[in-house]
Amino acid sequence: MEDYAELVLGLVERIPAGRVMTYGDVAEYLGAGGPRQVGRVMATHGGGVPWWRVIRADGRMLPGHEARARDAYAREGTPLRGEDRVDLRRARWEGPLPAEGP
């Protein structure tokens, strides 16, 4: 799990300000695990990375952390839909180019 956690956290650190990936996007990009495994890594090890940039597939903010996430989104200029969702069409990041590495 530690190697996987390092991969997840390394990718999350590279998500640009104002952009997001879903838990499933992260797993798909890495070609390993799934949304739940990414969520587990973020829950146990994600405090030191920009955790607000990894969201649910429906665009909703992390339950219980909405105020902190909203502040971060406002600072970074992340496009929102209403009070509790990120606009995935405008904010979704596909990941670094293959030449840039994971």
PDB file of N, CA and C in Angstrom:
ATOM      1  N   MET A   1       0.823  -1.208   0.000  1.00  0.00           N
ATOM      2  CA  MET A   1       0.000   0.000   0.000  1.00  0.00           C
ATOM      3  C   MET A   1       0.858   1.260   0.000  1.00  0.00           C
ATOM      4  N   GLU A   2       2.025   1.231   0.622  1.00  0.00           N
ATOM      5  CA  GLU A   2       2.864   2.421   0.680  1.00  0.00           C
ATOM      6  C   GLU A   2       3.306   2.884  -0.700  1.00  0.00           C
ATOM      7  N   ASP A   3       3.680   1.956  -1.585  1.00  0.00           N
ATOM      8  CA  ASP A   3       4.068   2.331  -2.944  1.00  0.00           C
ATOM      9  C   ASP A   3       2.886   2.968  -3.672  1.00  0.00           C
ATOM     10  N   TYR A   4       1.718   2.378  -3.516  1.00  0.00           N
ATOM     11  CA  TYR A   4       0.514   2.923  -4.151  1.00  0.00           C
ATOM     12  C   TYR A   4       0.209   4.306  -3.581  1.00  0.00           C
ATOM     13  N   ALA A   5       0.315   4.453  -2.282  1.00  0.00           N
ATOM     14  CA  ALA A   5       0.061   5.750  -1.646  1.00  0.00           C
ATOM     15  C   ALA A   5       1.008   6.803  -2.199  1.00  0.00           C
ATOM     16  N   GLU A   6       2.260   6.460  -2.379  1.00  0.00           N
ATOM     17  CA  GLU A   6       3.229   7.411  -2.934  1.00  0.00           C
ATOM     18  C   GLU A   6       2.845   7.820  -4.352  1.00  0.00           C
ATOM     19  N   LEU A   7       2.371   6.865  -5.155  1.00  0.00           N
ATOM     20  CA  LEU A   7       1.938   7.189  -6.508  1.00  0.00           C
ATOM     21  C   LEU A   7       0.748   8.143  -6.494  1.00  0.00           C
ATOM     22  N   VAL A   8      -0.234   7.832  -5.655  1.00  0.00           N
ATOM     23  CA  VAL A   8      -1.426   8.671  -5.555  1.00  0.00           C
ATOM     24  C   VAL A   8      -1.043  10.077  -5.106  1.00  0.00           C
ATOM     25  N   LEU A   9      -0.299  10.178  -4.025  1.00  0.00           N
ATOM     26  CA  LEU A   9       0.058  11.487  -3.477  1.00  0.00           C
ATOM     27  C   LEU A   9       0.943  12.276  -4.435  1.00  0.00           C
ATOM     28  N   GLY A  10       1.829  11.594  -5.135  1.00  0.00           N
ATOM     29  CA  GLY A  10       2.669  12.265  -6.124  1.00  0.00           C
ATOM     30  C   GLY A  10       1.849  12.882  -7.239  1.00  0.00           C
ATOM     31  N   LEU A  11       0.827  12.153  -7.696  1.00  0.00           N
ATOM     32  CA  LEU A  11      -0.042  12.683  -8.738  1.00  0.00           C
ATOM     33  C   LEU A  11      -0.875  13.843  -8.214  1.00  0.00           C
ATOM     34  N   VAL A  12      -1.420  13.711  -7.018  1.00  0.00           N
ATOM     35  CA  VAL A  12      -2.251  14.774  -6.438  1.00  0.00           C
ATOM     36  C   VAL A  12      -1.436  16.063  -6.304  1.00  0.00           C
ATOM     37  N   GLU A  13      -0.191  15.954  -5.926  1.00  0.00           N
ATOM     38  CA  GLU A  13       0.664  17.139  -5.804  1.00  0.00           C
ATOM     39  C   GLU A  13       0.844  17.855  -7.139  1.00  0.00           C
ATOM     40  N   ARG A  14       0.675  17.147  -8.236  1.00  0.00           N
ATOM     41  CA  ARG A  14       0.883  17.740  -9.561  1.00  0.00           C
ATOM     42  C   ARG A  14      -0.382  18.338 -10.168  1.00  0.00           C
ATOM     43  N   ILE A  15      -1.523  18.128  -9.536  1.00  0.00           N
ATOM     44  CA  ILE A  15      -2.757  18.728 -10.058  1.00  0.00           C
ATOM     45  C   ILE A  15      -2.621  20.241  -9.923  1.00  0.00           C
ATOM     46  N   PRO A  16      -2.752  20.964 -11.029  1.00  0.00           N
ATOM     47  CA  PRO A  16      -2.584  22.422 -10.962  1.00  0.00           C
ATOM     48  C   PRO A  16      -3.684  23.098 -10.139  1.00  0.00           C
ATOM     49  N   ALA A  17      -3.343  24.242  -9.577  1.00  0.00           N
ATOM     50  CA  ALA A  17      -4.322  25.054  -8.862  1.00  0.00           C
ATOM     51  C   ALA A  17      -5.483  25.365  -9.805  1.00  0.00           C
ATOM     52  N   GLY A  18      -6.693  25.289  -9.270  1.00  0.00           N
ATOM     53  CA  GLY A  18      -7.885  25.572 -10.055  1.00  0.00           C
ATOM     54  C   GLY A  18      -8.400  24.393 -10.847  1.00  0.00           C
ATOM     55  N   ARG A  19      -7.737  23.253 -10.757  1.00  0.00           N
ATOM     56  CA  ARG A  19      -8.139  22.054 -11.487  1.00  0.00           C
ATOM     57  C   ARG A  19      -8.385  20.922 -10.490  1.00  0.00           C
ATOM     58  N   VAL A  20      -9.101  19.877 -10.915  1.00  0.00           N
ATOM     59  CA  VAL A  20      -9.410  18.740 -10.058  1.00  0.00           C
ATOM     60  C   VAL A  20      -9.349  17.440 -10.850  1.00  0.00           C
ATOM     61  N   MET A  21      -9.242  16.356 -10.126  1.00  0.00           N
ATOM     62  CA  MET A  21      -9.418  15.006 -10.662  1.00  0.00           C
ATOM     63  C   MET A  21     -10.374  14.302  -9.718  1.00  0.00           C
ATOM     64  N   THR A  22     -11.152  13.379 -10.250  1.00  0.00           N
ATOM     65  CA  THR A  22     -11.991  12.561  -9.382  1.00  0.00           C
ATOM     66  C   THR A  22     -11.141  11.417  -8.833  1.00  0.00           C
ATOM     67  N   TYR A  23     -11.659  10.750  -7.814  1.00  0.00           N
ATOM     68  CA  TYR A  23     -10.961   9.582  -7.267  1.00  0.00           C
ATOM     69  C   TYR A  23     -10.749   8.553  -8.372  1.00  0.00           C
ATOM     70  N   GLY A  24     -11.762   8.361  -9.195  1.00  0.00           N
ATOM     71  CA  GLY A  24     -11.657   7.422 -10.310  1.00  0.00           C
ATOM     72  C   GLY A  24     -10.662   7.866 -11.359  1.00  0.00           C
ATOM     73  N   ASP A  25     -10.592   9.171 -11.624  1.00  0.00           N
ATOM     74  CA  ASP A  25      -9.605   9.697 -12.571  1.00  0.00           C
ATOM     75  C   ASP A  25      -8.194   9.353 -12.124  1.00  0.00           C
ATOM     76  N   VAL A  26      -7.933   9.529 -10.829  1.00  0.00           N
ATOM     77  CA  VAL A  26      -6.597   9.248 -10.291  1.00  0.00           C
ATOM     78  C   VAL A  26      -6.263   7.777 -10.491  1.00  0.00           C
ATOM     79  N   ALA A  27      -7.187   6.895 -10.117  1.00  0.00           N
ATOM     80  CA  ALA A  27      -6.950   5.455 -10.265  1.00  0.00           C
ATOM     81  C   ALA A  27      -6.739   5.089 -11.731  1.00  0.00           C
ATOM     82  N   GLU A  28      -7.568   5.646 -12.605  1.00  0.00           N
ATOM     83  CA  GLU A  28      -7.452   5.343 -14.027  1.00  0.00           C
ATOM     84  C   GLU A  28      -6.123   5.833 -14.588  1.00  0.00           C
ATOM     85  N   TYR A  29      -5.721   7.034 -14.219  1.00  0.00           N
ATOM     86  CA  TYR A  29      -4.458   7.564 -14.700  1.00  0.00           C
ATOM     87  C   TYR A  29      -3.297   6.669 -14.261  1.00  0.00           C
ATOM     88  N   LEU A  30      -3.335   6.226 -12.999  1.00  0.00           N
ATOM     89  CA  LEU A  30      -2.259   5.387 -12.473  1.00  0.00           C
ATOM     90  C   LEU A  30      -2.327   3.962 -13.001  1.00  0.00           C
ATOM     91  N   GLY A  31      -3.496   3.563 -13.495  1.00  0.00           N
ATOM     92  CA  GLY A  31      -3.652   2.194 -14.000  1.00  0.00           C
ATOM     93  C   GLY A  31      -3.638   1.158 -12.896  1.00  0.00           C
ATOM     94  N   ALA A  32      -4.024   1.598 -11.693  1.00  0.00           N
ATOM     95  CA  ALA A  32      -4.019   0.683 -10.546  1.00  0.00           C
ATOM     96  C   ALA A  32      -5.064   1.126  -9.537  1.00  0.00           C
ATOM     97  N   GLY A  33      -5.612   0.153  -8.810  1.00  0.00           N
ATOM     98  CA  GLY A  33      -6.597   0.456  -7.785  1.00  0.00           C
ATOM     99  C   GLY A  33      -7.893   0.956  -8.391  1.00  0.00           C
ATOM    100  N   GLY A  34      -8.674   1.578  -7.559  1.00  0.00           N
ATOM    101  CA  GLY A  34      -9.951   2.128  -7.977  1.00  0.00           C
ATOM    102  C   GLY A  34     -10.268   3.328  -7.113  1.00  0.00           C
ATOM    103  N   PRO A  35     -11.434   3.919  -7.315  1.00  0.00           N
ATOM    104  CA  PRO A  35     -11.796   5.107  -6.541  1.00  0.00           C
ATOM    105  C   PRO A  35     -11.730   4.904  -5.024  1.00  0.00           C
ATOM    106  N   ARG A  36     -12.151   3.745  -4.571  1.00  0.00           N
ATOM    107  CA  ARG A  36     -12.122   3.503  -3.117  1.00  0.00           C
ATOM    108  C   ARG A  36     -10.702   3.436  -2.574  1.00  0.00           C
ATOM    109  N   GLN A  37      -9.800   2.835  -3.326  1.00  0.00           N
ATOM    110  CA  GLN A  37      -8.409   2.762  -2.885  1.00  0.00           C
ATOM    111  C   GLN A  37      -7.779   4.160  -2.848  1.00  0.00           C
ATOM    112  N   VAL A  38      -8.097   4.964  -3.859  1.00  0.00           N
ATOM    113  CA  VAL A  38      -7.594   6.340  -3.867  1.00  0.00           C
ATOM    114  C   VAL A  38      -8.175   7.101  -2.677  1.00  0.00           C
ATOM    115  N   GLY A  39      -9.464   6.930  -2.419  1.00  0.00           N
ATOM    116  CA  GLY A  39     -10.097   7.571  -1.273  1.00  0.00           C
ATOM    117  C   GLY A  39      -9.452   7.171   0.037  1.00  0.00           C
ATOM    118  N   ARG A  40      -9.114   5.913   0.148  1.00  0.00           N
ATOM    119  CA  ARG A  40      -8.455   5.416   1.371  1.00  0.00           C
ATOM    120  C   ARG A  40      -7.097   6.076   1.565  1.00  0.00           C
ATOM    121  N   VAL A  41      -6.327   6.166   0.480  1.00  0.00           N
ATOM    122  CA  VAL A  41      -5.027   6.832   0.549  1.00  0.00           C
ATOM    123  C   VAL A  41      -5.214   8.288   0.968  1.00  0.00           C
ATOM    124  N   MET A  42      -6.169   8.968   0.346  1.00  0.00           N
ATOM    125  CA  MET A  42      -6.384  10.374   0.663  1.00  0.00           C
ATOM    126  C   MET A  42      -6.833  10.551   2.116  1.00  0.00           C
ATOM    127  N   ALA A  43      -7.665   9.651   2.600  1.00  0.00           N
ATOM    128  CA  ALA A  43      -8.159   9.749   3.978  1.00  0.00           C
ATOM    129  C   ALA A  43      -7.055   9.516   4.993  1.00  0.00           C
ATOM    130  N   THR A  44      -6.126   8.624   4.679  1.00  0.00           N
ATOM    131  CA  THR A  44      -5.099   8.269   5.664  1.00  0.00           C
ATOM    132  C   THR A  44      -3.788   9.029   5.482  1.00  0.00           C
ATOM    133  N   HIS A  45      -3.486   9.472   4.262  1.00  0.00           N
ATOM    134  CA  HIS A  45      -2.190  10.104   4.000  1.00  0.00           C
ATOM    135  C   HIS A  45      -2.294  11.456   3.294  1.00  0.00           C
ATOM    136  N   GLY A  46      -3.483  11.917   2.961  1.00  0.00           N
ATOM    137  CA  GLY A  46      -3.636  13.070   2.079  1.00  0.00           C
ATOM    138  C   GLY A  46      -3.594  14.444   2.710  1.00  0.00           C
ATOM    139  N   GLY A  47      -3.366  14.541   4.006  1.00  0.00           N
ATOM    140  CA  GLY A  47      -3.379  15.845   4.662  1.00  0.00           C
ATOM    141  C   GLY A  47      -2.289  16.798   4.211  1.00  0.00           C
ATOM    142  N   GLY A  48      -1.196  16.270   3.679  1.00  0.00           N
ATOM    143  CA  GLY A  48      -0.074  17.116   3.284  1.00  0.00           C
ATOM    144  C   GLY A  48      -0.070  17.508   1.819  1.00  0.00           C
ATOM    145  N   VAL A  49      -1.080  17.100   1.082  1.00  0.00           N
ATOM    146  CA  VAL A  49      -1.193  17.442  -0.340  1.00  0.00           C
ATOM    147  C   VAL A  49      -2.480  18.231  -0.540  1.00  0.00           C
ATOM    148  N   PRO A  50      -2.671  18.854  -1.703  1.00  0.00           N
ATOM    149  CA  PRO A  50      -3.901  19.614  -1.934  1.00  0.00           C
ATOM    150  C   PRO A  50      -5.107  18.698  -2.117  1.00  0.00           C
ATOM    151  N   TRP A  51      -5.592  18.147  -1.016  1.00  0.00           N
ATOM    152  CA  TRP A  51      -6.662  17.139  -0.989  1.00  0.00           C
ATOM    153  C   TRP A  51      -7.945  17.625  -1.647  1.00  0.00           C
ATOM    154  N   TRP A  52      -8.200  18.933  -1.614  1.00  0.00           N
ATOM    155  CA  TRP A  52      -9.437  19.482  -2.185  1.00  0.00           C
ATOM    156  C   TRP A  52      -9.468  19.347  -3.702  1.00  0.00           C
ATOM    157  N   ARG A  53      -8.344  19.020  -4.311  1.00  0.00           N
ATOM    158  CA  ARG A  53      -8.290  18.855  -5.767  1.00  0.00           C
ATOM    159  C   ARG A  53      -8.687  17.451  -6.208  1.00  0.00           C
ATOM    160  N   VAL A  54      -9.005  16.573  -5.275  1.00  0.00           N
ATOM    161  CA  VAL A  54      -9.497  15.221  -5.596  1.00  0.00           C
ATOM    162  C   VAL A  54     -10.917  15.146  -5.052  1.00  0.00           C
ATOM    163  N   ILE A  55     -11.867  14.909  -5.963  1.00  0.00           N
ATOM    164  CA  ILE A  55     -13.277  15.003  -5.583  1.00  0.00           C
ATOM    165  C   ILE A  55     -14.061  13.779  -6.047  1.00  0.00           C
ATOM    166  N   ARG A  56     -15.307  13.744  -5.612  1.00  0.00           N
ATOM    167  CA  ARG A  56     -16.213  12.663  -6.016  1.00  0.00           C
ATOM    168  C   ARG A  56     -16.597  12.827  -7.478  1.00  0.00           C
ATOM    169  N   ALA A  57     -17.042  11.761  -8.083  1.00  0.00           N
ATOM    170  CA  ALA A  57     -17.400  11.757  -9.511  1.00  0.00           C
ATOM    171  C   ALA A  57     -18.568  12.682  -9.830  1.00  0.00           C
ATOM    172  N   ASP A  58     -19.388  13.009  -8.832  1.00  0.00           N
ATOM    173  CA  ASP A  58     -20.509  13.918  -9.087  1.00  0.00           C
ATOM    174  C   ASP A  58     -20.119  15.380  -8.880  1.00  0.00           C
ATOM    175  N   GLY A  59     -18.867  15.635  -8.560  1.00  0.00           N
ATOM    176  CA  GLY A  59     -18.383  16.995  -8.381  1.00  0.00           C
ATOM    177  C   GLY A  59     -18.585  17.567  -6.993  1.00  0.00           C
ATOM    178  N   ARG A  60     -19.243  16.821  -6.118  1.00  0.00           N
ATOM    179  CA  ARG A  60     -19.505  17.333  -4.765  1.00  0.00           C
ATOM    180  C   ARG A  60     -18.226  17.378  -3.939  1.00  0.00           C
ATOM    181  N   MET A  61     -18.208  18.334  -3.029  1.00  0.00           N
ATOM    182  CA  MET A  61     -17.076  18.515  -2.132  1.00  0.00           C
ATOM    183  C   MET A  61     -17.059  17.436  -1.064  1.00  0.00           C
ATOM    184  N   LEU A  62     -15.889  17.226  -0.487  1.00  0.00           N
ATOM    185  CA  LEU A  62     -15.712  16.221   0.556  1.00  0.00           C
ATOM    186  C   LEU A  62     -16.602  16.547   1.747  1.00  0.00           C
ATOM    187  N   PRO A  63     -17.540  15.650   2.093  1.00  0.00           N
ATOM    188  CA  PRO A  63     -18.445  15.912   3.210  1.00  0.00           C
ATOM    189  C   PRO A  63     -17.684  16.204   4.505  1.00  0.00           C
ATOM    190  N   GLY A  64     -18.111  17.245   5.194  1.00  0.00           N
ATOM    191  CA  GLY A  64     -17.477  17.645   6.441  1.00  0.00           C
ATOM    192  C   GLY A  64     -16.325  18.615   6.246  1.00  0.00           C
ATOM    193  N   HIS A  65     -15.895  18.807   5.007  1.00  0.00           N
ATOM    194  CA  HIS A  65     -14.769  19.689   4.719  1.00  0.00           C
ATOM    195  C   HIS A  65     -15.135  20.752   3.681  1.00  0.00           C
ATOM    196  N   GLU A  66     -16.420  20.956   3.501  1.00  0.00           N
ATOM    197  CA  GLU A  66     -16.890  21.866   2.457  1.00  0.00           C
ATOM    198  C   GLU A  66     -16.360  23.292   2.622  1.00  0.00           C
ATOM    199  N   ALA A  67     -16.371  23.817   3.831  1.00  0.00           N
ATOM    200  CA  ALA A  67     -15.937  25.203   4.045  1.00  0.00           C
ATOM    201  C   ALA A  67     -14.464  25.368   3.688  1.00  0.00           C
ATOM    202  N   ARG A  68     -13.630  24.456   4.142  1.00  0.00           N
ATOM    203  CA  ARG A  68     -12.192  24.540   3.818  1.00  0.00           C
ATOM    204  C   ARG A  68     -11.968  24.373   2.328  1.00  0.00           C
ATOM    205  N   ALA A  69     -12.692  23.442   1.701  1.00  0.00           N
ATOM    206  CA  ALA A  69     -12.550  23.230   0.257  1.00  0.00           C
ATOM    207  C   ALA A  69     -13.012  24.472  -0.495  1.00  0.00           C
ATOM    208  N   ARG A  70     -14.140  25.045  -0.096  1.00  0.00           N
ATOM    209  CA  ARG A  70     -14.670  26.231  -0.765  1.00  0.00           C
ATOM    210  C   ARG A  70     -13.669  27.383  -0.705  1.00  0.00           C
ATOM    211  N   ASP A  71     -13.013  27.551   0.448  1.00  0.00           N
ATOM    212  CA  ASP A  71     -11.987  28.592   0.581  1.00  0.00           C
ATOM    213  C   ASP A  71     -10.834  28.340  -0.391  1.00  0.00           C
ATOM    214  N   ALA A  72     -10.391  27.085  -0.470  1.00  0.00           N
ATOM    215  CA  ALA A  72      -9.291  26.744  -1.380  1.00  0.00           C
ATOM    216  C   ALA A  72      -9.708  26.968  -2.832  1.00  0.00           C
ATOM    217  N   TYR A  73     -10.923  26.585  -3.180  1.00  0.00           N
ATOM    218  CA  TYR A  73     -11.404  26.785  -4.554  1.00  0.00           C
ATOM    219  C   TYR A  73     -11.478  28.270  -4.893  1.00  0.00           C
ATOM    220  N   ALA A  74     -11.911  29.084  -3.945  1.00  0.00           N
ATOM    221  CA  ALA A  74     -11.988  30.527  -4.186  1.00  0.00           C
ATOM    222  C   ALA A  74     -10.595  31.112  -4.404  1.00  0.00           C
ATOM    223  N   ARG A  75      -9.629  30.705  -3.582  1.00  0.00           N
ATOM    224  CA  ARG A  75      -8.242  31.177  -3.728  1.00  0.00           C
ATOM    225  C   ARG A  75      -7.664  30.797  -5.080  1.00  0.00           C
ATOM    226  N   GLU A  76      -7.986  29.579  -5.534  1.00  0.00           N
ATOM    227  CA  GLU A  76      -7.382  29.044  -6.760  1.00  0.00           C
ATOM    228  C   GLU A  76      -8.186  29.349  -8.020  1.00  0.00           C
ATOM    229  N   GLY A  77      -9.391  29.879  -7.851  1.00  0.00           N
ATOM    230  CA  GLY A  77     -10.216  30.172  -9.016  1.00  0.00           C
ATOM    231  C   GLY A  77     -10.829  28.942  -9.660  1.00  0.00           C
ATOM    232  N   THR A  78     -11.076  27.910  -8.871  1.00  0.00           N
ATOM    233  CA  THR A  78     -11.696  26.687  -9.373  1.00  0.00           C
ATOM    234  C   THR A  78     -13.155  26.958  -9.719  1.00  0.00           C
ATOM    235  N   PRO A  79     -13.598  26.623 -10.940  1.00  0.00           N
ATOM    236  CA  PRO A  79     -14.991  26.866 -11.306  1.00  0.00           C
ATOM    237  C   PRO A  79     -15.953  25.957 -10.522  1.00  0.00           C
ATOM    238  N   LEU A  80     -16.995  26.564  -9.983  1.00  0.00           N
ATOM    239  CA  LEU A  80     -17.990  25.826  -9.196  1.00  0.00           C
ATOM    240  C   LEU A  80     -19.342  25.880  -9.883  1.00  0.00           C
ATOM    241  N   ARG A  81     -20.184  24.922  -9.486  1.00  0.00           N
ATOM    242  CA  ARG A  81     -21.599  24.898  -9.892  1.00  0.00           C
ATOM    243  C   ARG A  81     -22.397  24.960  -8.604  1.00  0.00           C
ATOM    244  N   GLY A  82     -22.915  26.108  -8.298  1.00  0.00           N
ATOM    245  CA  GLY A  82     -23.651  26.262  -7.049  1.00  0.00           C
ATOM    246  C   GLY A  82     -22.693  26.323  -5.870  1.00  0.00           C
ATOM    247  N   GLU A  83     -23.216  25.994  -4.698  1.00  0.00           N
ATOM    248  CA  GLU A  83     -22.447  26.093  -3.459  1.00  0.00           C
ATOM    249  C   GLU A  83     -21.626  24.858  -3.125  1.00  0.00           C
ATOM    250  N   ASP A  84     -21.989  23.701  -3.691  1.00  0.00           N
ATOM    251  CA  ASP A  84     -21.377  22.471  -3.198  1.00  0.00           C
ATOM    252  C   ASP A  84     -20.769  21.565  -4.265  1.00  0.00           C
ATOM    253  N   ARG A  85     -20.610  22.076  -5.487  1.00  0.00           N
ATOM    254  CA  ARG A  85     -20.057  21.235  -6.555  1.00  0.00           C
ATOM    255  C   ARG A  85     -19.018  21.983  -7.372  1.00  0.00           C
ATOM    256  N   VAL A  86     -18.025  21.226  -7.784  1.00  0.00           N
ATOM    257  CA  VAL A  86     -17.044  21.743  -8.731  1.00  0.00           C
ATOM    258  C   VAL A  86     -17.601  21.508 -10.134  1.00  0.00           C
ATOM    259  N   ASP A  87     -17.387  22.451 -11.017  1.00  0.00           N
ATOM    260  CA  ASP A  87     -17.809  22.303 -12.408  1.00  0.00           C
ATOM    261  C   ASP A  87     -16.777  21.418 -13.115  1.00  0.00           C
ATOM    262  N   LEU A  88     -17.069  20.132 -13.170  1.00  0.00           N
ATOM    263  CA  LEU A  88     -16.109  19.173 -13.743  1.00  0.00           C
ATOM    264  C   LEU A  88     -15.812  19.432 -15.218  1.00  0.00           C
ATOM    265  N   ARG A  89     -16.773  19.921 -15.965  1.00  0.00           N
ATOM    266  CA  ARG A  89     -16.510  20.191 -17.387  1.00  0.00           C
ATOM    267  C   ARG A  89     -15.403  21.211 -17.561  1.00  0.00           C
ATOM    268  N   ARG A  90     -15.326  22.166 -16.656  1.00  0.00           N
ATOM    269  CA  ARG A  90     -14.331  23.232 -16.775  1.00  0.00           C
ATOM    270  C   ARG A  90     -13.085  23.000 -15.928  1.00  0.00           C
ATOM    271  N   ALA A  91     -13.202  22.241 -14.853  1.00  0.00           N
ATOM    272  CA  ALA A  91     -12.086  22.116 -13.912  1.00  0.00           C
ATOM    273  C   ALA A  91     -11.331  20.792 -13.997  1.00  0.00           C
ATOM    274  N   ARG A  92     -11.897  19.793 -14.676  1.00  0.00           N
ATOM    275  CA  ARG A  92     -11.264  18.463 -14.692  1.00  0.00           C
ATOM    276  C   ARG A  92      -9.911  18.519 -15.399  1.00  0.00           C
ATOM    277  N   TRP A  93      -8.927  17.887 -14.768  1.00  0.00           N
ATOM    278  CA  TRP A  93      -7.570  17.812 -15.310  1.00  0.00           C
ATOM    279  C   TRP A  93      -7.328  16.378 -15.726  1.00  0.00           C
ATOM    280  N   GLU A  94      -6.764  16.181 -16.882  1.00  0.00           N
ATOM    281  CA  GLU A  94      -6.537  14.837 -17.422  1.00  0.00           C
ATOM    282  C   GLU A  94      -5.246  14.200 -16.913  1.00  0.00           C
ATOM    283  N   GLY A  95      -4.434  14.947 -16.207  1.00  0.00           N
ATOM    284  CA  GLY A  95      -3.166  14.427 -15.714  1.00  0.00           C
ATOM    285  C   GLY A  95      -2.011  14.929 -16.551  1.00  0.00           C
ATOM    286  N   PRO A  96      -0.798  14.739 -16.040  1.00  0.00           N
ATOM    287  CA  PRO A  96       0.371  15.188 -16.796  1.00  0.00           C
ATOM    288  C   PRO A  96       0.509  14.411 -18.096  1.00  0.00           C
ATOM    289  N   LEU A  97       1.119  15.023 -19.062  1.00  0.00           N
ATOM    290  CA  LEU A  97       1.387  14.343 -20.330  1.00  0.00           C
ATOM    291  C   LEU A  97       2.308  13.162 -20.073  1.00  0.00           C
ATOM    292  N   PRO A  98       2.211  12.096 -20.854  1.00  0.00           N
ATOM    293  CA  PRO A  98       3.057  10.921 -20.636  1.00  0.00           C
ATOM    294  C   PRO A  98       4.541  11.246 -20.537  1.00  0.00           C
ATOM    295  N   ALA A  99       5.030  12.204 -21.298  1.00  0.00           N
ATOM    296  CA  ALA A  99       6.446  12.561 -21.243  1.00  0.00           C
ATOM    297  C   ALA A  99       6.827  13.194 -19.897  1.00  0.00           C
ATOM    298  N   GLU A 100       5.835  13.741 -19.177  1.00  0.00           N
ATOM    299  CA  GLU A 100       6.072  14.353 -17.890  1.00  0.00           C
ATOM    300  C   GLU A 100       6.109  13.350 -16.759  1.00  0.00           C
ATOM    301  N   GLY A 101       5.607  12.150 -16.993  1.00  0.00           N
ATOM    302  CA  GLY A 101       5.581  11.102 -15.971  1.00  0.00           C
ATOM    303  C   GLY A 101       4.452  11.291 -14.985  1.00  0.00           C
ATOM    304  N   PRO A 102       4.128  10.248 -14.191  1.00  0.00           N
ATOM    305  CA  PRO A 102       3.019  10.328 -13.230  1.00  0.00           C
ATOM    306  C   PRO A 102       3.323  11.203 -12.039  1.00  0.00           C
TER     307      PRO A 102
END
